[in-house]
Amino acid sequence: PMTPDPFAADYAEARERFLELAAAAGARWDTERHPHERAPGGAPLCLDHAWLGPQDADTVVLSLSGTHGDEGPGGSAVQRSWLAAAGRAPLPAGVAVLLV
């Protein structure tokens, strides 16, 4: 099922929802905190990445969001929508998904 409203009100909500959905999907995830910059509102600025599927996958689907900032809200909404709708479904053999 799709999330009713995939867009978040701000960076903090988008990040929190991404991490919750990644954990619920069983993703292995990690966070890299920017050493100097802050997010809007002063929160830590982080790069979160979630991996679903085998570590030795032959094929990796890569989804990046927020590289330049402007595409962050839309790209993050797409990632969260996918996690909510399909994140728990089994992937094809030899395939992994990396969401950044």
Foldseek 3Di string as FASTA:
>chain_A
DFDPDLFDPFDVRLVVLLVVLLVVLVWDKDKDWDPDDAGVVRHTDIDMKTKFDDPQAPEEAEQEACPPPPRRRVSSSVSSRCSVPPSNPDDPPRYMYMYD
